[in-house]
């Protein structure tokens, strides 16, 4: 069963524009800003970076899902 964090990471991957994501040696990576734009493995994102990467409507859906379940 996927954790909430795994579901959020899948959503980040789904909603991130294709110009800002890709695979490096088979590992899903996204471009984010960390003292400059850098490519980071999806699983290495902090919770704050995950929240910032999600569209507002998706973020709200996760908040609602978490409060109901």
N, C-alpha and C. Protein backbone atom coordinates (compact mmCIF):
# COMPACT_ATOMS: atom_id res chain seq x y z
N UNK A 1 0.84 -1.18 0.00
CA UNK A 1 0.00 0.00 0.00
C UNK A 1 0.89 1.24 0.00
N UNK A 2 0.54 2.20 -0.85
CA UNK A 2 1.33 3.42 -0.96
C UNK A 2 1.06 4.36 0.20
N UNK A 3 2.13 5.00 0.66
CA UNK A 3 1.99 6.01 1.71
C UNK A 3 1.49 7.30 1.07
N UNK A 4 1.08 8.23 1.92
CA UNK A 4 0.62 9.53 1.43
C UNK A 4 1.75 10.24 0.69
N UNK A 5 2.98 10.12 1.20
CA UNK A 5 4.13 10.74 0.54
C UNK A 5 4.33 10.15 -0.86
N UNK A 6 4.21 8.83 -1.00
CA UNK A 6 4.35 8.19 -2.31
C UNK A 6 3.28 8.68 -3.28
N UNK A 7 2.07 8.83 -2.80
CA UNK A 7 0.98 9.34 -3.64
C UNK A 7 1.26 10.77 -4.08
N UNK A 8 1.79 11.58 -3.17
CA UNK A 8 2.13 12.96 -3.52
C UNK A 8 3.26 13.00 -4.54
N UNK A 9 4.26 12.13 -4.38
CA UNK A 9 5.36 12.08 -5.34
C UNK A 9 4.86 11.68 -6.72
N UNK A 10 3.93 10.73 -6.77
CA UNK A 10 3.34 10.34 -8.05
C UNK A 10 2.59 11.51 -8.67
N UNK A 11 1.91 12.30 -7.85
CA UNK A 11 1.18 13.47 -8.34
C UNK A 11 2.14 14.53 -8.85
N UNK A 12 3.26 14.73 -8.14
CA UNK A 12 4.27 15.69 -8.61
C UNK A 12 4.75 15.26 -9.99
N UNK A 13 5.05 13.99 -10.15
CA UNK A 13 5.52 13.46 -11.43
C UNK A 13 4.45 13.65 -12.52
N UNK A 14 3.22 13.39 -12.18
CA UNK A 14 2.13 13.49 -13.15
C UNK A 14 1.91 14.93 -13.61
N UNK A 15 1.94 15.87 -12.69
CA UNK A 15 1.57 17.24 -13.03
C UNK A 15 2.75 18.13 -13.40
N UNK A 16 3.98 17.68 -13.20
CA UNK A 16 5.16 18.46 -13.59
C UNK A 16 5.25 18.45 -15.10
N UNK A 17 5.49 19.61 -15.71
CA UNK A 17 5.60 19.70 -17.16
C UNK A 17 6.76 18.83 -17.64
N UNK A 18 6.62 18.25 -18.80
CA UNK A 18 7.64 17.32 -19.31
C UNK A 18 9.00 17.99 -19.51
N UNK A 19 9.02 19.31 -19.67
CA UNK A 19 10.30 20.00 -19.80
C UNK A 19 11.06 20.07 -18.48
N UNK A 20 10.37 19.80 -17.38
CA UNK A 20 10.97 19.90 -16.05
C UNK A 20 11.11 18.57 -15.33
N UNK A 21 11.01 17.49 -16.09
CA UNK A 21 11.19 16.17 -15.49
C UNK A 21 11.84 15.25 -16.51
N UNK A 22 12.42 14.17 -16.00
CA UNK A 22 13.04 13.19 -16.87
C UNK A 22 13.61 12.05 -16.05
N UNK A 23 14.26 11.16 -16.72
CA UNK A 23 14.88 10.02 -16.04
C UNK A 23 16.38 10.07 -16.25
N UNK A 24 17.11 9.86 -15.17
CA UNK A 24 18.55 9.77 -15.24
C UNK A 24 18.91 8.39 -14.72
N UNK A 25 19.48 7.56 -15.60
CA UNK A 25 19.79 6.16 -15.26
C UNK A 25 18.57 5.44 -14.69
N UNK A 26 17.39 5.71 -15.25
CA UNK A 26 16.16 5.05 -14.84
C UNK A 26 15.50 5.63 -13.59
N UNK A 27 16.10 6.66 -13.00
CA UNK A 27 15.56 7.28 -11.79
C UNK A 27 14.78 8.53 -12.19
N UNK A 28 13.54 8.64 -11.70
CA UNK A 28 12.73 9.81 -12.02
C UNK A 28 13.31 11.03 -11.30
N UNK A 29 13.58 12.09 -12.07
CA UNK A 29 14.16 13.32 -11.53
C UNK A 29 13.33 14.51 -11.99
N UNK A 30 13.29 15.55 -11.17
CA UNK A 30 12.59 16.78 -11.51
C UNK A 30 13.51 17.96 -11.28
N UNK A 31 13.26 19.04 -12.01
CA UNK A 31 14.00 20.27 -11.81
C UNK A 31 13.30 21.09 -10.73
N UNK A 32 14.07 21.54 -9.76
CA UNK A 32 13.55 22.41 -8.71
C UNK A 32 14.59 23.47 -8.41
N UNK A 33 14.21 24.44 -7.61
CA UNK A 33 15.13 25.52 -7.25
C UNK A 33 15.68 25.26 -5.86
N UNK A 34 16.99 25.04 -5.78
CA UNK A 34 17.74 24.90 -4.52
C UNK A 34 19.00 25.72 -4.67
N UNK A 35 18.92 26.99 -4.31
CA UNK A 35 20.05 27.91 -4.53
C UNK A 35 20.50 27.89 -5.98
N UNK A 36 19.57 27.71 -6.86
CA UNK A 36 19.79 27.58 -8.29
C UNK A 36 19.01 26.38 -8.78
N UNK A 37 18.70 26.35 -10.04
CA UNK A 37 17.93 25.25 -10.60
C UNK A 37 18.80 24.00 -10.66
N UNK A 38 18.24 22.90 -10.16
CA UNK A 38 18.99 21.64 -10.14
C UNK A 38 18.05 20.47 -10.37
N UNK A 39 18.59 19.39 -10.87
CA UNK A 39 17.83 18.17 -11.08
C UNK A 39 17.99 17.29 -9.84
N UNK A 40 16.85 16.88 -9.28
CA UNK A 40 16.84 16.12 -8.04
C UNK A 40 16.01 14.85 -8.22
N UNK A 41 16.50 13.71 -7.74
CA UNK A 41 15.65 12.51 -7.78
C UNK A 41 14.35 12.78 -7.04
N UNK A 42 13.27 12.31 -7.59
CA UNK A 42 11.94 12.56 -7.04
C UNK A 42 11.87 12.17 -5.57
N UNK A 43 12.49 11.07 -5.20
CA UNK A 43 12.41 10.60 -3.82
C UNK A 43 13.22 11.44 -2.86
N UNK A 44 14.10 12.32 -3.37
CA UNK A 44 14.93 13.17 -2.51
C UNK A 44 14.29 14.53 -2.22
N UNK A 45 13.09 14.77 -2.75
CA UNK A 45 12.41 16.04 -2.48
C UNK A 45 12.02 16.12 -1.01
N UNK A 46 12.14 17.32 -0.44
CA UNK A 46 11.67 17.52 0.93
C UNK A 46 10.15 17.65 0.91
N UNK A 47 9.54 17.55 2.07
CA UNK A 47 8.08 17.70 2.15
C UNK A 47 7.65 19.07 1.64
N UNK A 48 8.41 20.11 1.96
CA UNK A 48 8.08 21.47 1.50
C UNK A 48 8.18 21.58 -0.02
N UNK A 49 9.19 20.94 -0.61
CA UNK A 49 9.35 20.97 -2.06
C UNK A 49 8.23 20.21 -2.75
N UNK A 50 7.78 19.13 -2.13
CA UNK A 50 6.65 18.38 -2.69
C UNK A 50 5.41 19.26 -2.69
N UNK A 51 5.13 19.90 -1.58
CA UNK A 51 3.95 20.76 -1.48
C UNK A 51 4.03 21.90 -2.50
N UNK A 52 5.21 22.50 -2.66
CA UNK A 52 5.38 23.59 -3.61
C UNK A 52 5.22 23.13 -5.05
N UNK A 53 5.49 21.87 -5.32
CA UNK A 53 5.43 21.34 -6.69
C UNK A 53 4.04 20.90 -7.10
N UNK A 54 3.15 20.74 -6.14
CA UNK A 54 1.79 20.29 -6.46
C UNK A 54 0.91 21.48 -6.82
N UNK A 55 0.06 21.32 -7.84
CA UNK A 55 -0.91 22.37 -8.14
C UNK A 55 -1.86 22.55 -6.94
N UNK A 56 -2.40 23.75 -6.77
CA UNK A 56 -3.24 24.07 -5.61
C UNK A 56 -4.42 23.11 -5.46
N UNK A 57 -5.09 22.78 -6.55
CA UNK A 57 -6.26 21.90 -6.48
C UNK A 57 -5.87 20.50 -6.00
N UNK A 58 -4.73 20.02 -6.45
CA UNK A 58 -4.26 18.69 -6.05
C UNK A 58 -3.85 18.71 -4.59
N UNK A 59 -3.17 19.77 -4.19
CA UNK A 59 -2.75 19.93 -2.79
C UNK A 59 -3.97 19.93 -1.88
N UNK A 60 -5.03 20.64 -2.29
CA UNK A 60 -6.27 20.69 -1.51
C UNK A 60 -6.92 19.31 -1.43
N UNK A 61 -6.88 18.56 -2.52
CA UNK A 61 -7.47 17.22 -2.52
C UNK A 61 -6.74 16.31 -1.53
N UNK A 62 -5.43 16.41 -1.48
CA UNK A 62 -4.66 15.60 -0.53
C UNK A 62 -4.97 16.01 0.90
N UNK A 63 -5.13 17.30 1.14
CA UNK A 63 -5.48 17.78 2.48
C UNK A 63 -6.83 17.26 2.91
N UNK A 64 -7.79 17.31 1.97
CA UNK A 64 -9.13 16.80 2.26
C UNK A 64 -9.11 15.30 2.49
N UNK A 65 -8.37 14.56 1.66
CA UNK A 65 -8.27 13.10 1.79
C UNK A 65 -7.65 12.73 3.14
N UNK A 66 -6.63 13.46 3.54
CA UNK A 66 -5.93 13.17 4.79
C UNK A 66 -6.83 13.46 6.00
N UNK A 67 -7.67 14.49 5.93
CA UNK A 67 -8.54 14.81 7.06
C UNK A 67 -9.72 13.83 7.16
N UNK A 68 -10.12 13.24 6.03
CA UNK A 68 -11.23 12.28 6.03
C UNK A 68 -10.77 10.88 6.41
N UNK A 69 -9.56 10.55 6.13
CA UNK A 69 -9.12 9.17 6.31
C UNK A 69 -8.11 9.06 7.33
